[in-house]
Amino acid sequence: MKKSILITVVILAASLAILAGINAYRYWYDRKAPNFSGTQELYVYPWTDPEAICDTILAGGHVKKPASLRRAFKDVPGLQVGHYTIDSTCTSMYVMRMLHKGWQTPVNLTLSAIRTPESLSKKVGAQMLVDSLQVSAYINSEDSLGFKPAQLFTRIIPDTYQILWTASVREIMERLFREADSWWTPERKAAAGKQGLTPAEVSVLASIVNGETRYVPEQPAIAAVYLNRLKSGMKLQADPTIAYCFDYKLNRVLKSHLLVDSPYNTYKYYGLPPGPISCPPKSCLEAVLHPDSHSYLFFCADPSFNGTHRFATTYAQHMVNAREFQSALNARNKASRGDK
């Protein structure tokens, strides 16, 4: 009888020891052992509950021991909205704490090819937690911006910025403004002054250059044409400003469009328009700051349709170039229609 009791006690003690060992191992593993074999990007929205997030992480296919992750998320008091990155160094408990404490990883906010404030709103809204309508309301309010909305694109430089996904509209815009301010170094401001322009005026002219060509090697030449016109007292006569007057809905700028009464109509009014007609990229800003040195006053698309332009000093030579381009364009249109 005593022997039987002793055996029972030994078995019970061994079982408890094994159970304690298992629990100790789980405690150690959950907190100290990396439980992921790869990297996973995770977005936590306001309506997402911990169980759903746990399932999302498991569905990513990088969890070594699913039970460990479930234990970590069993009693989590709540998760913070945000963007997080899980990598191979993370333990289960670290991931839970990361999401609970809100230890976010910034996202890349990429801004490029922005022609209108509406397109800016959509790009920000598509990449950040904020809604595009919130962005639109902010950038169309002088009270929010602290300056006229027409000057918005003088304060933003297209690029890729790392920023928290949960940033407010104000935080996003203030970050963009700070980055633009820092881009305007004393050297660049001096280069603008050398051209007789303020930084804001550089942005305006750069937006016109951007409307004329995306071919970066030719941008300094086109910038120089417009600078030559400004210095000689000519009207800029820039077709992109006419396209802007019609909300970029024109397939082709015609003579009738040149009559539109708008301060942005550079065929009607001298000097620069009151604001940028798009958000100019760095290449166009640099083209205005460091233009080519030439005496050209005119340019026309090359009849080979290779994306470059032919330049001219006189209007007579410009008309020769223009007729050659128009002839080539008519021939191409005729060929596309199948005319004989």
C-alpha atoms as a PDB file:
ATOM      1  CA  MET A   1       0.000   0.000   0.000  1.00  0.00           C
ATOM      2  CA  LYS A   2       2.751   2.393   0.982  1.00  0.00           C
ATOM      3  CA  LYS A   3       4.646   1.483  -2.145  1.00  0.00           C
ATOM      4  CA  SER A   4       1.569   2.247  -4.264  1.00  0.00           C
ATOM      5  CA  ILE A   5       1.142   5.635  -2.650  1.00  0.00           C
ATOM      6  CA  LEU A   6       4.810   6.407  -3.160  1.00  0.00           C
ATOM      7  CA  ILE A   7       4.601   5.537  -6.831  1.00  0.00           C
ATOM      8  CA  THR A   8       1.530   7.742  -7.193  1.00  0.00           C
ATOM      9  CA  VAL A   9       3.282  10.629  -5.491  1.00  0.00           C
ATOM     10  CA  VAL A  10       6.341  10.209  -7.711  1.00  0.00           C
ATOM     11  CA  ILE A  11       4.220  10.109 -10.855  1.00  0.00           C
ATOM     12  CA  LEU A  12       2.266  13.166  -9.748  1.00  0.00           C
ATOM     13  CA  ALA A  13       5.443  15.036  -8.909  1.00  0.00           C
ATOM     14  CA  ALA A  14       6.973  14.086 -12.253  1.00  0.00           C
ATOM     15  CA  SER A  15       3.831  15.193 -14.088  1.00  0.00           C
ATOM     16  CA  LEU A  16       3.832  18.528 -12.283  1.00  0.00           C
ATOM     17  CA  ALA A  17       7.517  18.946 -13.041  1.00  0.00           C
ATOM     18  CA  ILE A  18       6.923  18.206 -16.733  1.00  0.00           C
ATOM     19  CA  LEU A  19       3.962  20.600 -16.807  1.00  0.00           C
ATOM     20  CA  ALA A  20       6.012  23.271 -15.082  1.00  0.00           C
ATOM     21  CA  GLY A  21       8.802  22.674 -17.551  1.00  0.00           C
ATOM     22  CA  ILE A  22       6.417  22.986 -20.493  1.00  0.00           C
ATOM     23  CA  ASN A  23       4.963  26.202 -19.093  1.00  0.00           C
ATOM     24  CA  ALA A  24       8.449  27.551 -18.408  1.00  0.00           C
ATOM     25  CA  TYR A  25       9.517  26.727 -21.951  1.00  0.00           C
ATOM     26  CA  ARG A  26       6.389  28.397 -23.364  1.00  0.00           C
ATOM     27  CA  TYR A  27       6.992  31.459 -21.187  1.00  0.00           C
ATOM     28  CA  TRP A  28      10.575  31.641 -22.399  1.00  0.00           C
ATOM     29  CA  TYR A  29       9.733  30.964 -26.040  1.00  0.00           C
ATOM     30  CA  ASP A  30       6.892  33.511 -26.185  1.00  0.00           C
ATOM     31  CA  ARG A  31       9.128  36.260 -24.796  1.00  0.00           C
ATOM     32  CA  LYS A  32      12.647  35.402 -25.928  1.00  0.00           C
ATOM     33  CA  ALA A  33      12.602  33.223 -29.059  1.00  0.00           C
ATOM     34  CA  PRO A  34      12.089  34.790 -32.527  1.00  0.00           C
ATOM     35  CA  ASN A  35       8.867  33.262 -33.842  1.00  0.00           C
ATOM     36  CA  PHE A  36       8.897  34.523 -37.418  1.00  0.00           C
ATOM     37  CA  SER A  37      10.734  33.330 -40.512  1.00  0.00           C
ATOM     38  CA  GLY A  38      10.196  36.406 -42.693  1.00  0.00           C
ATOM     39  CA  THR A  39       8.934  39.969 -42.928  1.00  0.00           C
ATOM     40  CA  GLN A  40       5.290  40.965 -42.918  1.00  0.00           C
ATOM     41  CA  GLU A  41       3.673  44.407 -43.293  1.00  0.00           C
ATOM     42  CA  LEU A  42       0.619  44.855 -41.105  1.00  0.00           C
ATOM     43  CA  TYR A  43      -2.073  47.555 -41.055  1.00  0.00           C
ATOM     44  CA  VAL A  44      -4.315  47.878 -38.003  1.00  0.00           C
ATOM     45  CA  TYR A  45      -7.520  49.805 -38.693  1.00  0.00           C
ATOM     46  CA  PRO A  46      -9.808  51.348 -36.052  1.00  0.00           C
ATOM     47  CA  TRP A  47     -12.365  48.560 -36.414  1.00  0.00           C
ATOM     48  CA  THR A  48      -9.922  45.629 -36.303  1.00  0.00           C
ATOM     49  CA  ASP A  49     -10.026  43.362 -33.232  1.00  0.00           C
ATOM     50  CA  PRO A  50      -7.011  41.451 -31.806  1.00  0.00           C
ATOM     51  CA  GLU A  51      -8.279  38.031 -32.887  1.00  0.00           C
ATOM     52  CA  ALA A  52      -8.649  39.164 -36.493  1.00  0.00           C
ATOM     53  CA  ILE A  53      -5.138  40.650 -36.448  1.00  0.00           C
ATOM     54  CA  CYS A  54      -3.741  37.418 -35.041  1.00  0.00           C
ATOM     55  CA  ASP A  55      -5.435  35.488 -37.842  1.00  0.00           C
ATOM     56  CA  THR A  56      -4.023  37.942 -40.405  1.00  0.00           C
ATOM     57  CA  ILE A  57      -0.497  37.443 -39.075  1.00  0.00           C
ATOM     58  CA  LEU A  58      -0.902  33.661 -39.155  1.00  0.00           C
ATOM     59  CA  ALA A  59      -2.206  33.857 -42.732  1.00  0.00           C
ATOM     60  CA  GLY A  60       1.044  35.569 -43.710  1.00  0.00           C
ATOM     61  CA  GLY A  61       2.791  32.206 -43.485  1.00  0.00           C
ATOM     62  CA  HIS A  62       5.850  33.364 -41.512  1.00  0.00           C
ATOM     63  CA  VAL A  63       4.864  32.183 -37.999  1.00  0.00           C
ATOM     64  CA  LYS A  64       6.970  29.290 -36.699  1.00  0.00           C
ATOM     65  CA  LYS A  65       4.741  28.319 -33.745  1.00  0.00           C
ATOM     66  CA  PRO A  66       1.129  29.509 -34.160  1.00  0.00           C
ATOM     67  CA  ALA A  67       0.240  28.489 -30.602  1.00  0.00           C
ATOM     68  CA  SER A  68       2.828  30.918 -29.248  1.00  0.00           C
ATOM     69  CA  LEU A  69       1.302  33.813 -31.163  1.00  0.00           C
ATOM     70  CA  ARG A  70      -2.207  32.889 -30.018  1.00  0.00           C
ATOM     71  CA  ARG A  71      -1.057  32.802 -26.396  1.00  0.00           C
ATOM     72  CA  ALA A  72       0.454  36.267 -26.770  1.00  0.00           C
ATOM     73  CA  PHE A  73      -2.779  37.677 -28.229  1.00  0.00           C
ATOM     74  CA  LYS A  74      -5.113  35.850 -25.817  1.00  0.00           C
ATOM     75  CA  ASP A  75      -5.512  38.632 -23.257  1.00  0.00           C
ATOM     76  CA  VAL A  76      -4.206  41.700 -25.112  1.00  0.00           C
ATOM     77  CA  PRO A  77      -6.079  44.759 -23.738  1.00  0.00           C
ATOM     78  CA  GLY A  78      -6.294  46.470 -27.138  1.00  0.00           C
ATOM     79  CA  LEU A  79      -4.393  47.400 -30.296  1.00  0.00           C
ATOM     80  CA  GLN A  80      -3.266  50.776 -31.600  1.00  0.00           C
ATOM     81  CA  VAL A  81      -4.212  51.802 -35.126  1.00  0.00           C
ATOM     82  CA  GLY A  82      -1.173  51.970 -37.360  1.00  0.00           C
ATOM     83  CA  HIS A  83       1.292  50.370 -39.750  1.00  0.00           C
ATOM     84  CA  TYR A  84       3.705  47.819 -38.338  1.00  0.00           C
ATOM     85  CA  THR A  85       6.518  45.648 -39.650  1.00  0.00           C
ATOM     86  CA  ILE A  86       7.108  42.161 -38.284  1.00  0.00           C
ATOM     87  CA  ASP A  87      10.503  40.631 -39.059  1.00  0.00           C
ATOM     88  CA  SER A  88      12.523  37.528 -38.197  1.00  0.00           C
ATOM     89  CA  THR A  89      13.869  39.066 -34.983  1.00  0.00           C
ATOM     90  CA  CYS A  90      10.440  39.474 -33.397  1.00  0.00           C
ATOM     91  CA  THR A  91       9.065  37.311 -30.595  1.00  0.00           C
ATOM     92  CA  SER A  92       5.362  36.687 -30.176  1.00  0.00           C
ATOM     93  CA  MET A  93       5.106  38.901 -27.105  1.00  0.00           C
ATOM     94  CA  TYR A  94       7.082  41.682 -28.780  1.00  0.00           C
ATOM     95  CA  VAL A  95       4.609  41.725 -31.668  1.00  0.00           C
ATOM     96  CA  MET A  96       1.678  41.900 -29.247  1.00  0.00           C
ATOM     97  CA  ARG A  97       3.311  44.726 -27.297  1.00  0.00           C
ATOM     98  CA  MET A  98       4.291  46.527 -30.498  1.00  0.00           C
ATOM     99  CA  LEU A  99       0.681  46.619 -31.642  1.00  0.00           C
ATOM    100  CA  HIS A 100      -0.636  47.429 -28.171  1.00  0.00           C
ATOM    101  CA  LYS A 101       1.840  50.261 -27.521  1.00  0.00           C
ATOM    102  CA  GLY A 102       1.669  51.659 -31.071  1.00  0.00           C
ATOM    103  CA  TRP A 103       5.339  51.212 -32.036  1.00  0.00           C
ATOM    104  CA  GLN A 104       4.692  51.998 -35.681  1.00  0.00           C
ATOM    105  CA  THR A 105       6.912  51.695 -38.741  1.00  0.00           C
ATOM    106  CA  PRO A 106       6.706  54.714 -41.099  1.00  0.00           C
ATOM    107  CA  VAL A 107       5.296  54.187 -44.585  1.00  0.00           C
ATOM    108  CA  ASN A 108       6.542  55.638 -47.869  1.00  0.00           C
ATOM    109  CA  LEU A 109       4.359  58.491 -49.089  1.00  0.00           C
ATOM    110  CA  THR A 110       5.246  58.858 -52.766  1.00  0.00           C
ATOM    111  CA  LEU A 111       4.160  62.008 -54.578  1.00  0.00           C
ATOM    112  CA  SER A 112       4.777  62.278 -58.317  1.00  0.00           C
ATOM    113  CA  ALA A 113       3.054  63.491 -61.485  1.00  0.00           C
ATOM    114  CA  ILE A 114       0.724  65.840 -59.589  1.00  0.00           C
ATOM    115  CA  ARG A 115      -1.084  68.322 -61.821  1.00  0.00           C
ATOM    116  CA  THR A 116      -3.965  69.438 -59.600  1.00  0.00           C
ATOM    117  CA  PRO A 117      -4.817  69.740 -55.901  1.00  0.00           C
ATOM    118  CA  GLU A 118      -7.410  67.018 -56.462  1.00  0.00           C
ATOM    119  CA  SER A 119      -4.736  64.605 -57.680  1.00  0.00           C
ATOM    120  CA  LEU A 120      -2.645  65.437 -54.601  1.00  0.00           C
ATOM    121  CA  SER A 121      -5.628  64.683 -52.355  1.00  0.00           C
ATOM    122  CA  LYS A 122      -6.210  61.343 -54.057  1.00  0.00           C
ATOM    123  CA  LYS A 123      -2.561  60.287 -53.864  1.00  0.00           C
ATOM    124  CA  VAL A 124      -2.320  61.122 -50.163  1.00  0.00           C
ATOM    125  CA  GLY A 125      -5.676  59.489 -49.422  1.00  0.00           C
ATOM    126  CA  ALA A 126      -4.670  56.328 -51.277  1.00  0.00           C
ATOM    127  CA  GLN A 127      -1.446  55.902 -49.287  1.00  0.00           C
ATOM    128  CA  MET A 128      -2.337  57.212 -45.835  1.00  0.00           C
ATOM    129  CA  LEU A 129      -5.093  56.606 -43.289  1.00  0.00           C
ATOM    130  CA  VAL A 130      -6.603  60.046 -43.865  1.00  0.00           C
ATOM    131  CA  ASP A 131      -9.442  60.403 -46.353  1.00  0.00           C
ATOM    132  CA  SER A 132      -8.878  62.273 -49.626  1.00  0.00           C
ATOM    133  CA  LEU A 133     -11.845  64.541 -48.813  1.00  0.00           C
ATOM    134  CA  GLN A 134     -10.107  65.616 -45.602  1.00  0.00           C
ATOM    135  CA  VAL A 135      -6.987  66.454 -47.581  1.00  0.00           C
ATOM    136  CA  SER A 136      -8.993  68.389 -50.157  1.00  0.00           C
ATOM    137  CA  ALA A 137     -10.775  70.436 -47.494  1.00  0.00           C
ATOM    138  CA  TYR A 138      -7.454  71.305 -45.865  1.00  0.00           C
ATOM    139  CA  ILE A 139      -5.563  72.368 -48.970  1.00  0.00           C
ATOM    140  CA  ASN A 140      -8.445  74.458 -50.257  1.00  0.00           C
ATOM    141  CA  SER A 141      -8.620  76.507 -47.066  1.00  0.00           C
ATOM    142  CA  GLU A 142      -6.405  79.545 -46.689  1.00  0.00           C
ATOM    143  CA  ASP A 143      -7.005  79.403 -42.923  1.00  0.00           C
ATOM    144  CA  SER A 144      -5.536  75.880 -42.815  1.00  0.00           C
ATOM    145  CA  LEU A 145      -2.583  76.549 -45.095  1.00  0.00           C
ATOM    146  CA  GLY A 146      -1.606  79.971 -43.837  1.00  0.00           C
ATOM    147  CA  PHE A 147      -1.244  81.136 -47.447  1.00  0.00           C
ATOM    148  CA  LYS A 148      -3.371  81.271 -50.588  1.00  0.00           C
ATOM    149  CA  PRO A 149      -4.276  77.831 -52.024  1.00  0.00           C
ATOM    150  CA  ALA A 150      -2.991  79.032 -55.420  1.00  0.00           C
ATOM    151  CA  GLN A 151       0.502  78.973 -53.899  1.00  0.00           C
ATOM    152  CA  LEU A 152       0.212  75.377 -52.631  1.00  0.00           C
ATOM    153  CA  PHE A 153       2.549  73.882 -55.233  1.00  0.00           C
ATOM    154  CA  THR A 154       5.247  76.421 -54.430  1.00  0.00           C
ATOM    155  CA  ARG A 155       5.472  74.709 -51.027  1.00  0.00           C
ATOM    156  CA  ILE A 156       5.534  71.046 -52.074  1.00  0.00           C
ATOM    157  CA  ILE A 157       8.273  69.132 -53.879  1.00  0.00           C
ATOM    158  CA  PRO A 158       7.373  65.690 -55.294  1.00  0.00           C
ATOM    159  CA  ASP A 159       9.428  62.942 -53.677  1.00  0.00           C
ATOM    160  CA  THR A 160       9.081  59.901 -51.432  1.00  0.00           C
ATOM    161  CA  TYR A 161       8.685  60.733 -47.755  1.00  0.00           C
ATOM    162  CA  GLN A 162       8.707  58.386 -44.774  1.00  0.00           C
ATOM    163  CA  ILE A 163       5.886  59.288 -42.427  1.00  0.00           C
ATOM    164  CA  LEU A 164       3.575  57.573 -39.949  1.00  0.00           C
ATOM    165  CA  TRP A 165       0.534  56.081 -41.673  1.00  0.00           C
ATOM    166  CA  THR A 166      -1.732  57.544 -38.974  1.00  0.00           C
ATOM    167  CA  ALA A 167      -0.473  61.125 -39.400  1.00  0.00           C
ATOM    168  CA  SER A 168      -3.188  63.767 -39.582  1.00  0.00           C
ATOM    169  CA  VAL A 169      -3.676  65.925 -42.662  1.00  0.00           C
ATOM    170  CA  ARG A 170      -2.073  68.829 -40.860  1.00  0.00           C
ATOM    171  CA  GLU A 171       0.938  66.736 -39.839  1.00  0.00           C
ATOM    172  CA  ILE A 172       1.360  65.466 -43.401  1.00  0.00           C
ATOM    173  CA  MET A 173       1.153  68.903 -44.991  1.00  0.00           C
ATOM    174  CA  GLU A 174       3.425  70.537 -42.423  1.00  0.00           C
ATOM    175  CA  ARG A 175       5.978  67.791 -43.065  1.00  0.00           C
ATOM    176  CA  LEU A 176       5.841  68.468 -46.813  1.00  0.00           C
ATOM    177  CA  PHE A 177       6.228  72.202 -46.235  1.00  0.00           C
ATOM    178  CA  ARG A 178       9.251  71.660 -43.970  1.00  0.00           C
ATOM    179  CA  GLU A 179      10.895  69.405 -46.540  1.00  0.00           C
ATOM    180  CA  ALA A 180      10.370  72.010 -49.278  1.00  0.00           C
ATOM    181  CA  ASP A 181      11.749  74.751 -47.039  1.00  0.00           C
ATOM    182  CA  SER A 182      14.857  72.683 -46.324  1.00  0.00           C
ATOM    183  CA  TRP A 183      15.330  71.969 -50.056  1.00  0.00           C
ATOM    184  CA  TRP A 184      15.625  75.697 -50.653  1.00  0.00           C
ATOM    185  CA  THR A 185      19.197  76.054 -49.434  1.00  0.00           C
ATOM    186  CA  PRO A 186      20.995  79.418 -49.515  1.00  0.00           C
ATOM    187  CA  GLU A 187      22.774  78.245 -52.688  1.00  0.00           C
ATOM    188  CA  ARG A 188      19.489  77.512 -54.463  1.00  0.00           C
ATOM    189  CA  LYS A 189      17.988  80.808 -53.317  1.00  0.00           C
ATOM    190  CA  ALA A 190      21.062  82.565 -54.721  1.00  0.00           C
ATOM    191  CA  ALA A 191      20.626  80.701 -58.029  1.00  0.00           C
ATOM    192  CA  ALA A 192      17.005  81.860 -58.155  1.00  0.00           C
ATOM    193  CA  GLY A 193      18.086  85.439 -57.537  1.00  0.00           C
ATOM    194  CA  LYS A 194      20.590  85.147 -60.365  1.00  0.00           C
ATOM    195  CA  GLN A 195      17.659  84.453 -62.698  1.00  0.00           C
ATOM    196  CA  GLY A 196      15.739  87.397 -61.245  1.00  0.00           C
ATOM    197  CA  LEU A 197      13.214  85.118 -59.553  1.00  0.00           C
ATOM    198  CA  THR A 198      12.026  84.312 -56.048  1.00  0.00           C
ATOM    199  CA  PRO A 199      11.787  80.640 -55.002  1.00  0.00           C
ATOM    200  CA  ALA A 200       7.998  80.817 -55.473  1.00  0.00           C
ATOM    201  CA  GLU A 201       8.452  82.220 -58.996  1.00  0.00           C
ATOM    202  CA  VAL A 202      10.923  79.436 -59.766  1.00  0.00           C
ATOM    203  CA  SER A 203       8.193  76.942 -58.864  1.00  0.00           C
ATOM    204  CA  VAL A 204       5.718  78.692 -61.156  1.00  0.00           C
ATOM    205  CA  LEU A 205       8.066  78.650 -64.135  1.00  0.00           C
ATOM    206  CA  ALA A 206       9.193  75.100 -63.354  1.00  0.00           C
ATOM    207  CA  SER A 207       5.562  73.978 -63.489  1.00  0.00           C
ATOM    208  CA  ILE A 208       5.322  75.334 -67.034  1.00  0.00           C
ATOM    209  CA  VAL A 209       8.525  73.534 -68.011  1.00  0.00           C
ATOM    210  CA  ASN A 210       7.008  70.389 -66.507  1.00  0.00           C
ATOM    211  CA  GLY A 211       3.946  70.869 -68.708  1.00  0.00           C
ATOM    212  CA  GLU A 212       6.100  71.175 -71.821  1.00  0.00           C
ATOM    213  CA  THR A 213       8.290  68.091 -71.431  1.00  0.00           C
ATOM    214  CA  ARG A 214       9.092  65.170 -69.141  1.00  0.00           C
ATOM    215  CA  TYR A 215      12.364  64.623 -71.022  1.00  0.00           C
ATOM    216  CA  VAL A 216      14.783  65.711 -68.321  1.00  0.00           C
ATOM    217  CA  PRO A 217      17.847  66.422 -70.536  1.00  0.00           C
ATOM    218  CA  GLU A 218      15.851  69.030 -72.490  1.00  0.00           C
ATOM    219  CA  GLN A 219      14.269  70.811 -69.526  1.00  0.00           C
ATOM    220  CA  PRO A 220      17.143  73.320 -69.023  1.00  0.00           C
ATOM    221  CA  ALA A 221      16.844  74.360 -72.689  1.00  0.00           C
ATOM    222  CA  ILE A 222      13.096  74.950 -72.422  1.00  0.00           C
ATOM    223  CA  ALA A 223      13.529  76.774 -69.119  1.00  0.00           C
ATOM    224  CA  ALA A 224      16.016  79.058 -70.851  1.00  0.00           C
ATOM    225  CA  VAL A 225      13.513  79.871 -73.623  1.00  0.00           C
ATOM    226  CA  TYR A 226      10.966  81.101 -71.091  1.00  0.00           C
ATOM    227  CA  LEU A 227      13.588  83.004 -69.136  1.00  0.00           C
ATOM    228  CA  ASN A 228      14.695  84.663 -72.381  1.00  0.00           C
ATOM    229  CA  ARG A 229      11.095  85.663 -73.065  1.00  0.00           C
ATOM    230  CA  LEU A 230      10.668  87.097 -69.575  1.00  0.00           C
ATOM    231  CA  LYS A 231      13.885  89.113 -69.849  1.00  0.00           C
ATOM    232  CA  SER A 232      13.011  90.410 -73.329  1.00  0.00           C
ATOM    233  CA  GLY A 233       9.520  91.519 -72.288  1.00  0.00           C
ATOM    234  CA  MET A 234       7.676  88.906 -74.381  1.00  0.00           C
ATOM    235  CA  LYS A 235       4.576  87.082 -73.269  1.00  0.00           C
ATOM    236  CA  LEU A 236       5.350  83.530 -72.233  1.00  0.00           C
ATOM    237  CA  GLN A 237       2.676  82.110 -74.584  1.00  0.00           C
ATOM    238  CA  ALA A 238       2.865  78.693 -72.957  1.00  0.00           C
ATOM    239  CA  ASP A 239       0.322  76.125 -74.093  1.00  0.00           C
ATOM    240  CA  PRO A 240       0.366  74.272 -70.723  1.00  0.00           C
ATOM    241  CA  THR A 241      -1.114  77.365 -69.067  1.00  0.00           C
ATOM    242  CA  ILE A 242      -4.035  77.200 -71.488  1.00  0.00           C
ATOM    243  CA  ALA A 243      -4.521  73.525 -70.702  1.00  0.00           C
ATOM    244  CA  TYR A 244      -4.595  74.500 -67.027  1.00  0.00           C
ATOM    245  CA  CYS A 245      -7.321  77.080 -67.701  1.00  0.00           C
ATOM    246  CA  PHE A 246      -9.484  74.255 -69.052  1.00  0.00           C
ATOM    247  CA  ASP A 247      -8.711  71.835 -66.183  1.00  0.00           C
ATOM    248  CA  TYR A 248      -6.445  69.765 -68.442  1.00  0.00           C
ATOM    249  CA  LYS A 249      -9.469  68.506 -70.382  1.00  0.00           C
ATOM    250  CA  LEU A 250      -8.285  69.677 -73.806  1.00  0.00           C
ATOM    251  CA  ASN A 251      -7.040  67.108 -76.292  1.00  0.00           C
ATOM    252  CA  ARG A 252      -5.371  69.898 -78.222  1.00  0.00           C
ATOM    253  CA  VAL A 253      -4.901  73.644 -77.698  1.00  0.00           C
ATOM    254  CA  LEU A 254      -6.662  75.590 -80.484  1.00  0.00           C
ATOM    255  CA  LYS A 255      -6.625  79.305 -81.325  1.00  0.00           C
ATOM    256  CA  SER A 256     -10.109  79.697 -79.847  1.00  0.00           C
ATOM    257  CA  HIS A 257      -8.799  78.493 -76.487  1.00  0.00           C
ATOM    258  CA  LEU A 258      -6.217  81.289 -76.430  1.00  0.00           C
ATOM    259  CA  LEU A 259      -9.013  83.818 -75.868  1.00  0.00           C
ATOM    260  CA  VAL A 260      -9.949  82.515 -72.423  1.00  0.00           C
ATOM    261  CA  ASP A 261      -9.949  85.314 -69.861  1.00  0.00           C
ATOM    262  CA  SER A 262      -7.844  83.976 -67.025  1.00  0.00           C
ATOM    263  CA  PRO A 263      -4.793  85.325 -65.189  1.00  0.00           C
ATOM    264  CA  TYR A 264      -3.204  81.985 -66.084  1.00  0.00           C
ATOM    265  CA  ASN A 265      -3.562  82.698 -69.822  1.00  0.00           C
ATOM    266  CA  THR A 266       0.021  83.561 -70.758  1.00  0.00           C
ATOM    267  CA  TYR A 267      -1.084  84.360 -74.317  1.00  0.00           C
ATOM    268  CA  LYS A 268      -3.209  87.205 -72.935  1.00  0.00           C
ATOM    269  CA  TYR A 269      -1.165  88.470 -69.984  1.00  0.00           C
ATOM    270  CA  TYR A 270       2.537  89.254 -69.572  1.00  0.00           C
ATOM    271  CA  GLY A 271       4.735  87.689 -66.942  1.00  0.00           C
ATOM    272  CA  LEU A 272       4.267  84.635 -64.817  1.00  0.00           C
ATOM    273  CA  PRO A 273       0.821  83.337 -63.878  1.00  0.00           C
ATOM    274  CA  PRO A 274      -0.261  83.816 -60.238  1.00  0.00           C
ATOM    275  CA  GLY A 275       0.691  80.298 -59.204  1.00  0.00           C
ATOM    276  CA  PRO A 276       2.078  76.968 -60.413  1.00  0.00           C
ATOM    277  CA  ILE A 277      -0.041  75.036 -62.911  1.00  0.00           C
ATOM    278  CA  SER A 278       1.220  71.721 -61.471  1.00  0.00           C
ATOM    279  CA  CYS A 279       3.531  70.471 -58.758  1.00  0.00           C
ATOM    280  CA  PRO A 280       6.956  70.720 -60.441  1.00  0.00           C
ATOM    281  CA  PRO A 281       9.501  67.946 -59.818  1.00  0.00           C
ATOM    282  CA  LYS A 282      13.062  68.639 -58.725  1.00  0.00           C
ATOM    283  CA  SER A 283      14.401  68.260 -62.262  1.00  0.00           C
ATOM    284  CA  CYS A 284      12.257  71.164 -63.484  1.00  0.00           C
ATOM    285  CA  LEU A 285      13.150  73.315 -60.488  1.00  0.00           C
ATOM    286  CA  GLU A 286      16.836  72.680 -61.154  1.00  0.00           C
ATOM    287  CA  ALA A 287      16.310  73.440 -64.858  1.00  0.00           C
ATOM    288  CA  VAL A 288      15.029  76.910 -63.985  1.00  0.00           C
ATOM    289  CA  LEU A 289      17.802  77.468 -61.448  1.00  0.00           C
ATOM    290  CA  HIS A 290      20.471  76.287 -63.890  1.00  0.00           C
ATOM    291  CA  PRO A 291      19.125  76.853 -67.428  1.00  0.00           C
ATOM    292  CA  ASP A 292      21.052  76.381 -70.628  1.00  0.00           C
ATOM    293  CA  SER A 293      22.796  79.405 -72.069  1.00  0.00           C
ATOM    294  CA  HIS A 294      21.282  80.178 -75.487  1.00  0.00           C
ATOM    295  CA  SER A 295      19.353  82.903 -77.328  1.00  0.00           C
ATOM    296  CA  TYR A 296      16.356  80.804 -78.442  1.00  0.00           C
ATOM    297  CA  LEU A 297      12.901  82.316 -78.035  1.00  0.00           C
ATOM    298  CA  PHE A 298      10.814  79.573 -79.642  1.00  0.00           C
ATOM    299  CA  PHE A 299      10.535  75.792 -79.687  1.00  0.00           C
ATOM    300  CA  CYS A 300       8.336  73.253 -81.382  1.00  0.00           C
ATOM    301  CA  ALA A 301       7.879  69.504 -81.075  1.00  0.00           C
ATOM    302  CA  ASP A 302      10.219  67.528 -83.319  1.00  0.00           C
ATOM    303  CA  PRO A 303       8.393  66.015 -86.350  1.00  0.00           C
ATOM    304  CA  SER A 304       9.998  62.635 -85.597  1.00  0.00           C
ATOM    305  CA  PHE A 305       7.748  62.449 -82.498  1.00  0.00           C
ATOM    306  CA  ASN A 306      10.688  61.365 -80.354  1.00  0.00           C
ATOM    307  CA  GLY A 307       9.672  63.616 -77.461  1.00  0.00           C
ATOM    308  CA  THR A 308      12.257  66.316 -78.148  1.00  0.00           C
ATOM    309  CA  HIS A 309      11.893  69.811 -79.593  1.00  0.00           C
ATOM    310  CA  ARG A 310      13.392  72.010 -82.288  1.00  0.00           C
ATOM    311  CA  PHE A 311      14.503  75.443 -81.128  1.00  0.00           C
ATOM    312  CA  ALA A 312      14.591  78.742 -83.025  1.00  0.00           C
ATOM    313  CA  THR A 313      15.824  82.263 -82.441  1.00  0.00           C
ATOM    314  CA  THR A 314      13.448  83.955 -84.924  1.00  0.00           C
ATOM    315  CA  TYR A 315       9.725  83.609 -85.409  1.00  0.00           C
ATOM    316  CA  ALA A 316      10.265  82.896 -89.119  1.00  0.00           C
ATOM    317  CA  GLN A 317      12.439  79.873 -88.351  1.00  0.00           C
ATOM    318  CA  HIS A 318       9.959  78.790 -85.704  1.00  0.00           C
ATOM    319  CA  MET A 319       7.141  78.799 -88.282  1.00  0.00           C
ATOM    320  CA  VAL A 320       9.242  76.606 -90.588  1.00  0.00           C
ATOM    321  CA  ASN A 321       9.663  74.134 -87.743  1.00  0.00           C
ATOM    322  CA  ALA A 322       5.970  74.375 -86.849  1.00  0.00           C
ATOM    323  CA  ARG A 323       4.845  73.659 -90.417  1.00  0.00           C
ATOM    324  CA  GLU A 324       7.125  70.629 -90.618  1.00  0.00           C
ATOM    325  CA  PHE A 325       5.682  69.292 -87.390  1.00  0.00           C
ATOM    326  CA  GLN A 326       2.097  69.974 -88.496  1.00  0.00           C
ATOM    327  CA  SER A 327       2.735  68.219 -91.814  1.00  0.00           C
ATOM    328  CA  ALA A 328       4.151  65.196 -90.006  1.00  0.00           C
ATOM    329  CA  LEU A 329       1.221  65.191 -87.592  1.00  0.00           C
ATOM    330  CA  ASN A 330      -1.330  65.328 -90.410  1.00  0.00           C
ATOM    331  CA  ALA A 331       0.433  62.451 -92.186  1.00  0.00           C
ATOM    332  CA  ARG A 332       0.451  60.344 -89.024  1.00  0.00           C
ATOM    333  CA  ASN A 333      -3.232  61.037 -88.357  1.00  0.00           C
ATOM    334  CA  LYS A 334      -4.070  60.158 -91.949  1.00  0.00           C
ATOM    335  CA  ALA A 335      -2.155  56.891 -91.662  1.00  0.00           C
ATOM    336  CA  SER A 336      -3.877  55.982 -88.402  1.00  0.00           C
ATOM    337  CA  ARG A 337      -7.272  56.507 -90.079  1.00  0.00           C
ATOM    338  CA  GLY A 338      -6.251  54.367 -93.004  1.00  0.00           C
ATOM    339  CA  ASP A 339      -6.812  57.190 -95.516  1.00  0.00           C
ATOM    340  CA  LYS A 340      -5.279  56.875 -98.959  1.00  0.00           C
END
